[in-house]
Amino acid sequence: MFLRKGDTVKILRGKDRGKTGKVVFVSQEDKLATVEGANLFWRHERARKQGQKGQRIQLPRAVPVSNLMVLCPHCRKPTRVAHETDDKGVKARVCKHCRKRI
């Protein structure tokens, strides 16, 4: 999986196309990611106790990973992720544009 929690991503498809945000949660089994401030929906809650009011809460929904692209922190471009190994044998994620570590 090329995405990790804390990555800054750009949304490629859907109602929030073009927006950027941080990844909050990644589900590797379902290939979904939750992005902060994107793909929000309203949840209506009923009053459970007497005196409590019903309310509307805005919550984020997961976005398919195929609709996201990682933003490189160095060149600030949406990029695909390459995997390279150092001389010491340490694996790292690398930007395809500027070849720097993500």
PDB file of N, CA and C in Angstrom:
ATOM      1  N   MET A   1       0.845  -1.183   0.000  1.00  0.00           N
ATOM      2  CA  MET A   1       0.000   0.000   0.000  1.00  0.00           C
ATOM      3  C   MET A   1       0.887   1.241   0.000  1.00  0.00           C
ATOM      4  N   PHE A   2       0.605   2.175  -0.886  1.00  0.00           N
ATOM      5  CA  PHE A   2       1.441   3.364  -1.027  1.00  0.00           C
ATOM      6  C   PHE A   2       1.057   4.479  -0.065  1.00  0.00           C
ATOM      7  N   LEU A   3      -0.104   4.385   0.571  1.00  0.00           N
ATOM      8  CA  LEU A   3      -0.564   5.424   1.498  1.00  0.00           C
ATOM      9  C   LEU A   3      -0.266   5.047   2.935  1.00  0.00           C
ATOM     10  N   ARG A   4       0.024   6.079   3.732  1.00  0.00           N
ATOM     11  CA  ARG A   4       0.214   5.878   5.165  1.00  0.00           C
ATOM     12  C   ARG A   4      -0.524   6.965   5.917  1.00  0.00           C
ATOM     13  N   LYS A   5      -0.828   6.682   7.156  1.00  0.00           N
ATOM     14  CA  LYS A   5      -1.480   7.666   8.011  1.00  0.00           C
ATOM     15  C   LYS A   5      -0.564   8.887   8.147  1.00  0.00           C
ATOM     16  N   GLY A   6      -1.129  10.084   7.978  1.00  0.00           N
ATOM     17  CA  GLY A   6      -0.346  11.310   8.083  1.00  0.00           C
ATOM     18  C   GLY A   6       0.113  11.875   6.751  1.00  0.00           C
ATOM     19  N   ASP A   7      -0.022  11.106   5.654  1.00  0.00           N
ATOM     20  CA  ASP A   7       0.342  11.610   4.326  1.00  0.00           C
ATOM     21  C   ASP A   7      -0.624  12.714   3.900  1.00  0.00           C
ATOM     22  N   THR A   8      -0.124  13.667   3.133  1.00  0.00           N
ATOM     23  CA  THR A   8      -0.989  14.675   2.520  1.00  0.00           C
ATOM     24  C   THR A   8      -1.332  14.180   1.126  1.00  0.00           C
ATOM     25  N   VAL A   9      -2.635  14.144   0.812  1.00  0.00           N
ATOM     26  CA  VAL A   9      -3.079  13.589  -0.465  1.00  0.00           C
ATOM     27  C   VAL A   9      -3.966  14.577  -1.210  1.00  0.00           C
ATOM     28  N   LYS A  10      -4.083  14.357  -2.515  1.00  0.00           N
ATOM     29  CA  LYS A  10      -4.997  15.121  -3.359  1.00  0.00           C
ATOM     30  C   LYS A  10      -6.071  14.162  -3.843  1.00  0.00           C
ATOM     31  N   ILE A  11      -7.337  14.616  -3.818  1.00  0.00           N
ATOM     32  CA  ILE A  11      -8.456  13.782  -4.247  1.00  0.00           C
ATOM     33  C   ILE A  11      -8.649  13.974  -5.748  1.00  0.00           C
ATOM     34  N   LEU A  12      -8.695  12.863  -6.494  1.00  0.00           N
ATOM     35  CA  LEU A  12      -8.768  12.909  -7.950  1.00  0.00           C
ATOM     36  C   LEU A  12     -10.186  12.811  -8.491  1.00  0.00           C
ATOM     37  N   ARG A  13     -11.100  12.141  -7.764  1.00  0.00           N
ATOM     38  CA  ARG A  13     -12.465  11.937  -8.250  1.00  0.00           C
ATOM     39  C   ARG A  13     -13.475  12.175  -7.143  1.00  0.00           C
ATOM     40  N   GLY A  14     -14.703  12.440  -7.558  1.00  0.00           N
ATOM     41  CA  GLY A  14     -15.787  12.594  -6.597  1.00  0.00           C
ATOM     42  C   GLY A  14     -16.152  14.046  -6.369  1.00  0.00           C
ATOM     43  N   LYS A  15     -17.043  14.258  -5.397  1.00  0.00           N
ATOM     44  CA  LYS A  15     -17.550  15.615  -5.161  1.00  0.00           C
ATOM     45  C   LYS A  15     -16.482  16.542  -4.591  1.00  0.00           C
ATOM     46  N   ASP A  16     -15.430  15.993  -3.999  1.00  0.00           N
ATOM     47  CA  ASP A  16     -14.355  16.796  -3.418  1.00  0.00           C
ATOM     48  C   ASP A  16     -13.100  16.807  -4.287  1.00  0.00           C
ATOM     49  N   ARG A  17     -13.272  16.589  -5.592  1.00  0.00           N
ATOM     50  CA  ARG A  17     -12.139  16.545  -6.520  1.00  0.00           C
ATOM     51  C   ARG A  17     -11.309  17.822  -6.428  1.00  0.00           C
ATOM     52  N   GLY A  18      -9.986  17.663  -6.338  1.00  0.00           N
ATOM     53  CA  GLY A  18      -9.085  18.808  -6.280  1.00  0.00           C
ATOM     54  C   GLY A  18      -8.708  19.232  -4.872  1.00  0.00           C
ATOM     55  N   LYS A  19      -9.452  18.768  -3.871  1.00  0.00           N
ATOM     56  CA  LYS A  19      -9.139  19.134  -2.485  1.00  0.00           C
ATOM     57  C   LYS A  19      -7.934  18.343  -1.992  1.00  0.00           C
ATOM     58  N   THR A  20      -7.244  18.904  -1.009  1.00  0.00           N
ATOM     59  CA  THR A  20      -6.139  18.201  -0.377  1.00  0.00           C
ATOM     60  C   THR A  20      -6.445  18.047   1.104  1.00  0.00           C
ATOM     61  N   GLY A  21      -5.844  17.043   1.717  1.00  0.00           N
ATOM     62  CA  GLY A  21      -6.043  16.815   3.140  1.00  0.00           C
ATOM     63  C   GLY A  21      -5.111  15.737   3.649  1.00  0.00           C
ATOM     64  N   LYS A  22      -5.094  15.572   4.970  1.00  0.00           N
ATOM     65  CA  LYS A  22      -4.248  14.562   5.594  1.00  0.00           C
ATOM     66  C   LYS A  22      -5.012  13.258   5.750  1.00  0.00           C
ATOM     67  N   VAL A  23      -4.309  12.147   5.593  1.00  0.00           N
ATOM     68  CA  VAL A  23      -4.902  10.829   5.780  1.00  0.00           C
ATOM     69  C   VAL A  23      -5.000  10.560   7.274  1.00  0.00           C
ATOM     70  N   VAL A  24      -6.217  10.226   7.725  1.00  0.00           N
ATOM     71  CA  VAL A  24      -6.465   9.965   9.140  1.00  0.00           C
ATOM     72  C   VAL A  24      -6.426   8.468   9.428  1.00  0.00           C
ATOM     73  N   PHE A  25      -6.943   7.662   8.482  1.00  0.00           N
ATOM     74  CA  PHE A  25      -7.044   6.219   8.685  1.00  0.00           C
ATOM     75  C   PHE A  25      -6.919   5.519   7.337  1.00  0.00           C
ATOM     76  N   VAL A  26      -6.229   4.385   7.310  1.00  0.00           N
ATOM     77  CA  VAL A  26      -6.089   3.586   6.091  1.00  0.00           C
ATOM     78  C   VAL A  26      -6.522   2.161   6.391  1.00  0.00           C
ATOM     79  N   SER A  27      -7.441   1.632   5.568  1.00  0.00           N
ATOM     80  CA  SER A  27      -7.870   0.244   5.677  1.00  0.00           C
ATOM     81  C   SER A  27      -7.251  -0.524   4.514  1.00  0.00           C
ATOM     82  N   GLN A  28      -6.276  -1.371   4.817  1.00  0.00           N
ATOM     83  CA  GLN A  28      -5.567  -2.082   3.755  1.00  0.00           C
ATOM     84  C   GLN A  28      -6.404  -3.203   3.158  1.00  0.00           C
ATOM     85  N   GLU A  29      -7.285  -3.814   3.961  1.00  0.00           N
ATOM     86  CA  GLU A  29      -8.112  -4.909   3.449  1.00  0.00           C
ATOM     87  C   GLU A  29      -9.132  -4.392   2.436  1.00  0.00           C
ATOM     88  N   ASP A  30      -9.764  -3.253   2.755  1.00  0.00           N
ATOM     89  CA  ASP A  30     -10.812  -2.703   1.900  1.00  0.00           C
ATOM     90  C   ASP A  30     -10.279  -1.710   0.876  1.00  0.00           C
ATOM     91  N   LYS A  31      -8.993  -1.334   0.985  1.00  0.00           N
ATOM     92  CA  LYS A  31      -8.360  -0.342   0.109  1.00  0.00           C
ATOM     93  C   LYS A  31      -9.113   0.987   0.150  1.00  0.00           C
ATOM     94  N   LEU A  32      -9.367   1.449   1.392  1.00  0.00           N
ATOM     95  CA  LEU A  32     -10.046   2.716   1.632  1.00  0.00           C
ATOM     96  C   LEU A  32      -9.208   3.574   2.561  1.00  0.00           C
ATOM     97  N   ALA A  33      -9.339   4.888   2.429  1.00  0.00           N
ATOM     98  CA  ALA A  33      -8.640   5.821   3.311  1.00  0.00           C
ATOM     99  C   ALA A  33      -9.600   6.936   3.704  1.00  0.00           C
ATOM    100  N   THR A  34      -9.503   7.381   4.954  1.00  0.00           N
ATOM    101  CA  THR A  34     -10.294   8.505   5.430  1.00  0.00           C
ATOM    102  C   THR A  34      -9.409   9.740   5.391  1.00  0.00           C
ATOM    103  N   VAL A  35      -9.890  10.784   4.698  1.00  0.00           N
ATOM    104  CA  VAL A  35      -9.132  12.021   4.534  1.00  0.00           C
ATOM    105  C   VAL A  35      -9.810  13.110   5.359  1.00  0.00           C
ATOM    106  N   GLU A  36      -9.000  13.852   6.097  1.00  0.00           N
ATOM    107  CA  GLU A  36      -9.502  14.911   6.971  1.00  0.00           C
ATOM    108  C   GLU A  36     -10.189  16.009   6.153  1.00  0.00           C
ATOM    109  N   GLY A  37     -11.463  16.285   6.454  1.00  0.00           N
ATOM    110  CA  GLY A  37     -12.196  17.365   5.801  1.00  0.00           C
ATOM    111  C   GLY A  37     -12.714  17.051   4.412  1.00  0.00           C
ATOM    112  N   ALA A  38     -12.687  15.791   4.002  1.00  0.00           N
ATOM    113  CA  ALA A  38     -13.155  15.427   2.663  1.00  0.00           C
ATOM    114  C   ALA A  38     -14.203  14.322   2.754  1.00  0.00           C
ATOM    115  N   ASN A  39     -15.113  14.299   1.775  1.00  0.00           N
ATOM    116  CA  ASN A  39     -16.168  13.297   1.674  1.00  0.00           C
ATOM    117  C   ASN A  39     -17.013  13.260   2.951  1.00  0.00           C
ATOM    118  N   LEU A  40     -17.455  14.421   3.402  1.00  0.00           N
ATOM    119  CA  LEU A  40     -18.230  14.533   4.632  1.00  0.00           C
ATOM    120  C   LEU A  40     -19.706  14.253   4.370  1.00  0.00           C
ATOM    121  N   PHE A  41     -20.397  13.681   5.357  1.00  0.00           N
ATOM    122  CA  PHE A  41     -21.834  13.458   5.270  1.00  0.00           C
ATOM    123  C   PHE A  41     -22.476  13.830   6.600  1.00  0.00           C
ATOM    124  N   TRP A  42     -23.774  14.100   6.553  1.00  0.00           N
ATOM    125  CA  TRP A  42     -24.512  14.482   7.757  1.00  0.00           C
ATOM    126  C   TRP A  42     -25.143  13.256   8.385  1.00  0.00           C
ATOM    127  N   ARG A  43     -24.957  13.118   9.694  1.00  0.00           N
ATOM    128  CA  ARG A  43     -25.606  12.054  10.448  1.00  0.00           C
ATOM    129  C   ARG A  43     -26.601  12.712  11.392  1.00  0.00           C
ATOM    130  N   HIS A  44     -27.836  12.246  11.379  1.00  0.00           N
ATOM    131  CA  HIS A  44     -28.888  12.816  12.213  1.00  0.00           C
ATOM    132  C   HIS A  44     -29.029  11.960  13.463  1.00  0.00           C
ATOM    133  N   GLU A  45     -28.853  12.568  14.612  1.00  0.00           N
ATOM    134  CA  GLU A  45     -28.977  11.854  15.882  1.00  0.00           C
ATOM    135  C   GLU A  45     -30.245  12.283  16.587  1.00  0.00           C
ATOM    136  N   ARG A  46     -30.982  11.306  17.072  1.00  0.00           N
ATOM    137  CA  ARG A  46     -32.194  11.585  17.836  1.00  0.00           C
ATOM    138  C   ARG A  46     -31.831  11.871  19.281  1.00  0.00           C
ATOM    139  N   ALA A  47     -32.722  12.556  19.968  1.00  0.00           N
ATOM    140  CA  ALA A  47     -32.534  12.798  21.400  1.00  0.00           C
ATOM    141  C   ALA A  47     -32.759  11.480  22.131  1.00  0.00           C
ATOM    142  N   ARG A  48     -31.817  11.069  22.948  1.00  0.00           N
ATOM    143  CA  ARG A  48     -31.919   9.792  23.663  1.00  0.00           C
ATOM    144  C   ARG A  48     -32.493   9.972  25.071  1.00  0.00           C
ATOM    145  N   LYS A  49     -32.101  11.046  25.718  1.00  0.00           N
ATOM    146  CA  LYS A  49     -32.564  11.299  27.081  1.00  0.00           C
ATOM    147  C   LYS A  49     -33.494  12.504  27.078  1.00  0.00           C
ATOM    148  N   GLN A  50     -34.303  12.587  28.110  1.00  0.00           N
ATOM    149  CA  GLN A  50     -35.202  13.728  28.214  1.00  0.00           C
ATOM    150  C   GLN A  50     -34.387  15.003  28.450  1.00  0.00           C
ATOM    151  N   GLY A  51     -34.718  16.048  27.729  1.00  0.00           N
ATOM    152  CA  GLY A  51     -33.989  17.304  27.843  1.00  0.00           C
ATOM    153  C   GLY A  51     -32.841  17.420  26.850  1.00  0.00           C
ATOM    154  N   GLN A  52     -32.433  16.303  26.269  1.00  0.00           N
ATOM    155  CA  GLN A  52     -31.360  16.325  25.273  1.00  0.00           C
ATOM    156  C   GLN A  52     -31.970  16.659  23.909  1.00  0.00           C
ATOM    157  N   LYS A  53     -31.259  17.408  23.101  1.00  0.00           N
ATOM    158  CA  LYS A  53     -31.754  17.777  21.782  1.00  0.00           C
ATOM    159  C   LYS A  53     -31.190  16.846  20.716  1.00  0.00           C
ATOM    160  N   GLY A  54     -31.969  16.672  19.666  1.00  0.00           N
ATOM    161  CA  GLY A  54     -31.457  15.973  18.501  1.00  0.00           C
ATOM    162  C   GLY A  54     -30.483  16.888  17.778  1.00  0.00           C
ATOM    163  N   GLN A  55     -29.601  16.297  16.987  1.00  0.00           N
ATOM    164  CA  GLN A  55     -28.601  17.123  16.317  1.00  0.00           C
ATOM    165  C   GLN A  55     -28.143  16.491  15.013  1.00  0.00           C
ATOM    166  N   ARG A  56     -27.499  17.300  14.213  1.00  0.00           N
ATOM    167  CA  ARG A  56     -26.873  16.838  12.977  1.00  0.00           C
ATOM    168  C   ARG A  56     -25.368  16.916  13.164  1.00  0.00           C
ATOM    169  N   ILE A  57     -24.678  15.815  12.868  1.00  0.00           N
ATOM    170  CA  ILE A  57     -23.225  15.752  13.015  1.00  0.00           C
ATOM    171  C   ILE A  57     -22.629  15.480  11.639  1.00  0.00           C
ATOM    172  N   GLN A  58     -21.563  16.186  11.314  1.00  0.00           N
ATOM    173  CA  GLN A  58     -20.878  15.962  10.045  1.00  0.00           C
ATOM    174  C   GLN A  58     -19.694  15.033  10.280  1.00  0.00           C
ATOM    175  N   LEU A  59     -19.671  13.901   9.572  1.00  0.00           N
ATOM    176  CA  LEU A  59     -18.631  12.892   9.732  1.00  0.00           C
ATOM    177  C   LEU A  59     -17.967  12.596   8.387  1.00  0.00           C
ATOM    178  N   PRO A  60     -16.678  12.208   8.402  1.00  0.00           N
ATOM    179  CA  PRO A  60     -16.008  11.852   7.143  1.00  0.00           C
ATOM    180  C   PRO A  60     -16.289  10.405   6.753  1.00  0.00           C
ATOM    181  N   ARG A  61     -16.382  10.164   5.462  1.00  0.00           N
ATOM    182  CA  ARG A  61     -16.506   8.812   4.930  1.00  0.00           C
ATOM    183  C   ARG A  61     -15.202   8.440   4.247  1.00  0.00           C
ATOM    184  N   ALA A  62     -14.965   7.159   4.131  1.00  0.00           N
ATOM    185  CA  ALA A  62     -13.737   6.677   3.495  1.00  0.00           C
ATOM    186  C   ALA A  62     -13.791   6.899   1.982  1.00  0.00           C
ATOM    187  N   VAL A  63     -12.620   7.086   1.392  1.00  0.00           N
ATOM    188  CA  VAL A  63     -12.462   7.302  -0.046  1.00  0.00           C
ATOM    189  C   VAL A  63     -11.634   6.141  -0.590  1.00  0.00           C
ATOM    190  N   PRO A  64     -11.997   5.574  -1.750  1.00  0.00           N
ATOM    191  CA  PRO A  64     -11.157   4.528  -2.330  1.00  0.00           C
ATOM    192  C   PRO A  64      -9.743   5.048  -2.603  1.00  0.00           C
ATOM    193  N   VAL A  65      -8.762   4.220  -2.312  1.00  0.00           N
ATOM    194  CA  VAL A  65      -7.354   4.602  -2.457  1.00  0.00           C
ATOM    195  C   VAL A  65      -7.019   4.931  -3.912  1.00  0.00           C
ATOM    196  N   SER A  66      -7.727   4.325  -4.857  1.00  0.00           N
ATOM    197  CA  SER A  66      -7.463   4.592  -6.275  1.00  0.00           C
ATOM    198  C   SER A  66      -7.834   6.018  -6.669  1.00  0.00           C
ATOM    199  N   ASN A  67      -8.621   6.702  -5.851  1.00  0.00           N
ATOM    200  CA  ASN A  67      -9.026   8.082  -6.135  1.00  0.00           C
ATOM    201  C   ASN A  67      -8.127   9.105  -5.448  1.00  0.00           C
ATOM    202  N   LEU A  68      -7.026   8.671  -4.857  1.00  0.00           N
ATOM    203  CA  LEU A  68      -6.126   9.565  -4.128  1.00  0.00           C
ATOM    204  C   LEU A  68      -4.725   9.525  -4.730  1.00  0.00           C
ATOM    205  N   MET A  69      -4.000  10.643  -4.589  1.00  0.00           N
ATOM    206  CA  MET A  69      -2.603  10.710  -4.997  1.00  0.00           C
ATOM    207  C   MET A  69      -1.812  11.431  -3.922  1.00  0.00           C
ATOM    208  N   VAL A  70      -0.658  10.913  -3.596  1.00  0.00           N
ATOM    209  CA  VAL A  70       0.183  11.497  -2.552  1.00  0.00           C
ATOM    210  C   VAL A  70       0.786  12.803  -3.055  1.00  0.00           C
ATOM    211  N   LEU A  71       0.788  13.832  -2.195  1.00  0.00           N
ATOM    212  CA  LEU A  71       1.467  15.092  -2.508  1.00  0.00           C
ATOM    213  C   LEU A  71       2.875  15.017  -1.942  1.00  0.00           C
ATOM    214  N   CYS A  72       3.867  15.257  -2.795  1.00  0.00           N
ATOM    215  CA  CYS A  72       5.262  15.244  -2.357  1.00  0.00           C
ATOM    216  C   CYS A  72       5.503  16.459  -1.466  1.00  0.00           C
ATOM    217  N   PRO A  73       6.099  16.280  -0.279  1.00  0.00           N
ATOM    218  CA  PRO A  73       6.349  17.422   0.604  1.00  0.00           C
ATOM    219  C   PRO A  73       7.440  18.361   0.082  1.00  0.00           C
ATOM    220  N   HIS A  74       8.257  17.908  -0.864  1.00  0.00           N
ATOM    221  CA  HIS A  74       9.359  18.724  -1.375  1.00  0.00           C
ATOM    222  C   HIS A  74       8.947  19.545  -2.601  1.00  0.00           C
ATOM    223  N   CYS A  75       8.375  18.878  -3.613  1.00  0.00           N
ATOM    224  CA  CYS A  75       8.016  19.592  -4.846  1.00  0.00           C
ATOM    225  C   CYS A  75       6.540  19.992  -4.885  1.00  0.00           C
ATOM    226  N   ARG A  76       5.738  19.566  -3.902  1.00  0.00           N
ATOM    227  CA  ARG A  76       4.319  19.909  -3.768  1.00  0.00           C
ATOM    228  C   ARG A  76       3.491  19.501  -4.992  1.00  0.00           C
ATOM    229  N   LYS A  77       3.902  18.430  -5.681  1.00  0.00           N
ATOM    230  CA  LYS A  77       3.154  17.920  -6.821  1.00  0.00           C
ATOM    231  C   LYS A  77       2.506  16.595  -6.440  1.00  0.00           C
ATOM    232  N   PRO A  78       1.310  16.298  -6.991  1.00  0.00           N
ATOM    233  CA  PRO A  78       0.752  14.965  -6.805  1.00  0.00           C
ATOM    234  C   PRO A  78       1.625  13.971  -7.563  1.00  0.00           C
ATOM    235  N   THR A  79       1.979  12.887  -6.916  1.00  0.00           N
ATOM    236  CA  THR A  79       2.939  11.969  -7.517  1.00  0.00           C
ATOM    237  C   THR A  79       2.604  10.521  -7.202  1.00  0.00           C
ATOM    238  N   ARG A  80       3.105   9.644  -8.043  1.00  0.00           N
ATOM    239  CA  ARG A  80       3.077   8.227  -7.722  1.00  0.00           C
ATOM    240  C   ARG A  80       4.268   7.944  -6.813  1.00  0.00           C
ATOM    241  N   VAL A  81       4.216   6.834  -6.117  1.00  0.00           N
ATOM    242  CA  VAL A  81       5.247   6.526  -5.129  1.00  0.00           C
ATOM    243  C   VAL A  81       6.110   5.379  -5.636  1.00  0.00           C
ATOM    244  N   ALA A  82       7.427   5.585  -5.606  1.00  0.00           N
ATOM    245  CA  ALA A  82       8.385   4.530  -5.935  1.00  0.00           C
ATOM    246  C   ALA A  82       8.995   4.023  -4.632  1.00  0.00           C
ATOM    247  N   HIS A  83       9.463   2.798  -4.653  1.00  0.00           N
ATOM    248  CA  HIS A  83      10.123   2.217  -3.485  1.00  0.00           C
ATOM    249  C   HIS A  83      11.574   1.941  -3.849  1.00  0.00           C
ATOM    250  N   GLU A  84      12.493   2.518  -3.089  1.00  0.00           N
ATOM    251  CA  GLU A  84      13.919   2.323  -3.343  1.00  0.00           C
ATOM    252  C   GLU A  84      14.604   1.824  -2.082  1.00  0.00           C
ATOM    253  N   THR A  85      15.759   1.184  -2.285  1.00  0.00           N
ATOM    254  CA  THR A  85      16.552   0.674  -1.177  1.00  0.00           C
ATOM    255  C   THR A  85      17.882   1.419  -1.128  1.00  0.00           C
ATOM    256  N   ASP A  86      18.288   1.833   0.077  1.00  0.00           N
ATOM    257  CA  ASP A  86      19.563   2.536   0.266  1.00  0.00           C
ATOM    258  C   ASP A  86      20.731   1.565   0.148  1.00  0.00           C
ATOM    259  N   ASP A  87      21.953   2.111   0.291  1.00  0.00           N
ATOM    260  CA  ASP A  87      23.150   1.276   0.331  1.00  0.00           C
ATOM    261  C   ASP A  87      23.153   0.406   1.582  1.00  0.00           C
ATOM    262  N   LYS A  88      22.525   0.911   2.641  1.00  0.00           N
ATOM    263  CA  LYS A  88      22.463   0.177   3.909  1.00  0.00           C
ATOM    264  C   LYS A  88      21.349  -0.865   3.927  1.00  0.00           C
ATOM    265  N   GLY A  89      20.528  -0.905   2.886  1.00  0.00           N
ATOM    266  CA  GLY A  89      19.447  -1.875   2.808  1.00  0.00           C
ATOM    267  C   GLY A  89      18.138  -1.380   3.399  1.00  0.00           C
ATOM    268  N   VAL A  90      18.028  -0.075   3.631  1.00  0.00           N
ATOM    269  CA  VAL A  90      16.809   0.498   4.199  1.00  0.00           C
ATOM    270  C   VAL A  90      15.870   0.893   3.066  1.00  0.00           C
ATOM    271  N   LYS A  91      14.607   0.415   3.131  1.00  0.00           N
ATOM    272  CA  LYS A  91      13.628   0.750   2.105  1.00  0.00           C
ATOM    273  C   LYS A  91      13.014   2.107   2.406  1.00  0.00           C
ATOM    274  N   ALA A  92      12.712   2.859   1.345  1.00  0.00           N
ATOM    275  CA  ALA A  92      12.116   4.187   1.511  1.00  0.00           C
ATOM    276  C   ALA A  92      11.141   4.451   0.370  1.00  0.00           C
ATOM    277  N   ARG A  93      10.119   5.261   0.653  1.00  0.00           N
ATOM    278  CA  ARG A  93       9.186   5.713  -0.378  1.00  0.00           C
ATOM    279  C   ARG A  93       9.768   6.978  -1.014  1.00  0.00           C
ATOM    280  N   VAL A  94       9.728   7.040  -2.351  1.00  0.00           N
ATOM    281  CA  VAL A  94      10.386   8.119  -3.085  1.00  0.00           C
ATOM    282  C   VAL A  94       9.399   8.735  -4.075  1.00  0.00           C
ATOM    283  N   CYS A  95       9.480  10.062  -4.239  1.00  0.00           N
ATOM    284  CA  CYS A  95       8.670  10.802  -5.212  1.00  0.00           C
ATOM    285  C   CYS A  95       9.163  10.482  -6.623  1.00  0.00           C
ATOM    286  N   LYS A  96       8.254  10.254  -7.561  1.00  0.00           N
ATOM    287  CA  LYS A  96       8.628   9.948  -8.942  1.00  0.00           C
ATOM    288  C   LYS A  96       9.144  11.180  -9.683  1.00  0.00           C
ATOM    289  N   HIS A  97       8.761  12.402  -9.228  1.00  0.00           N
ATOM    290  CA  HIS A  97       9.173  13.626  -9.911  1.00  0.00           C
ATOM    291  C   HIS A  97      10.566  14.079  -9.490  1.00  0.00           C
ATOM    292  N   CYS A  98      10.753  14.288  -8.178  1.00  0.00           N
ATOM    293  CA  CYS A  98      12.012  14.884  -7.706  1.00  0.00           C
ATOM    294  C   CYS A  98      12.973  13.852  -7.101  1.00  0.00           C
ATOM    295  N   ARG A  99      12.540  12.586  -6.985  1.00  0.00           N
ATOM    296  CA  ARG A  99      13.368  11.484  -6.480  1.00  0.00           C
ATOM    297  C   ARG A  99      13.834  11.691  -5.040  1.00  0.00           C
ATOM    298  N   LYS A 100      13.106  12.485  -4.238  1.00  0.00           N
ATOM    299  CA  LYS A 100      13.429  12.668  -2.826  1.00  0.00           C
ATOM    300  C   LYS A 100      12.502  11.808  -1.979  1.00  0.00           C
ATOM    301  N   ARG A 101      12.932  11.522  -0.760  1.00  0.00           N
ATOM    302  CA  ARG A 101      12.138  10.695   0.148  1.00  0.00           C
ATOM    303  C   ARG A 101      10.847  11.388   0.558  1.00  0.00           C
ATOM    304  N   ILE A 102       9.815  10.594   0.667  1.00  0.00           N
ATOM    305  CA  ILE A 102       8.524  11.115   1.133  1.00  0.00           C
ATOM    306  C   ILE A 102       8.421  10.877   2.631  1.00  0.00           C
TER     307      ILE A 102
END
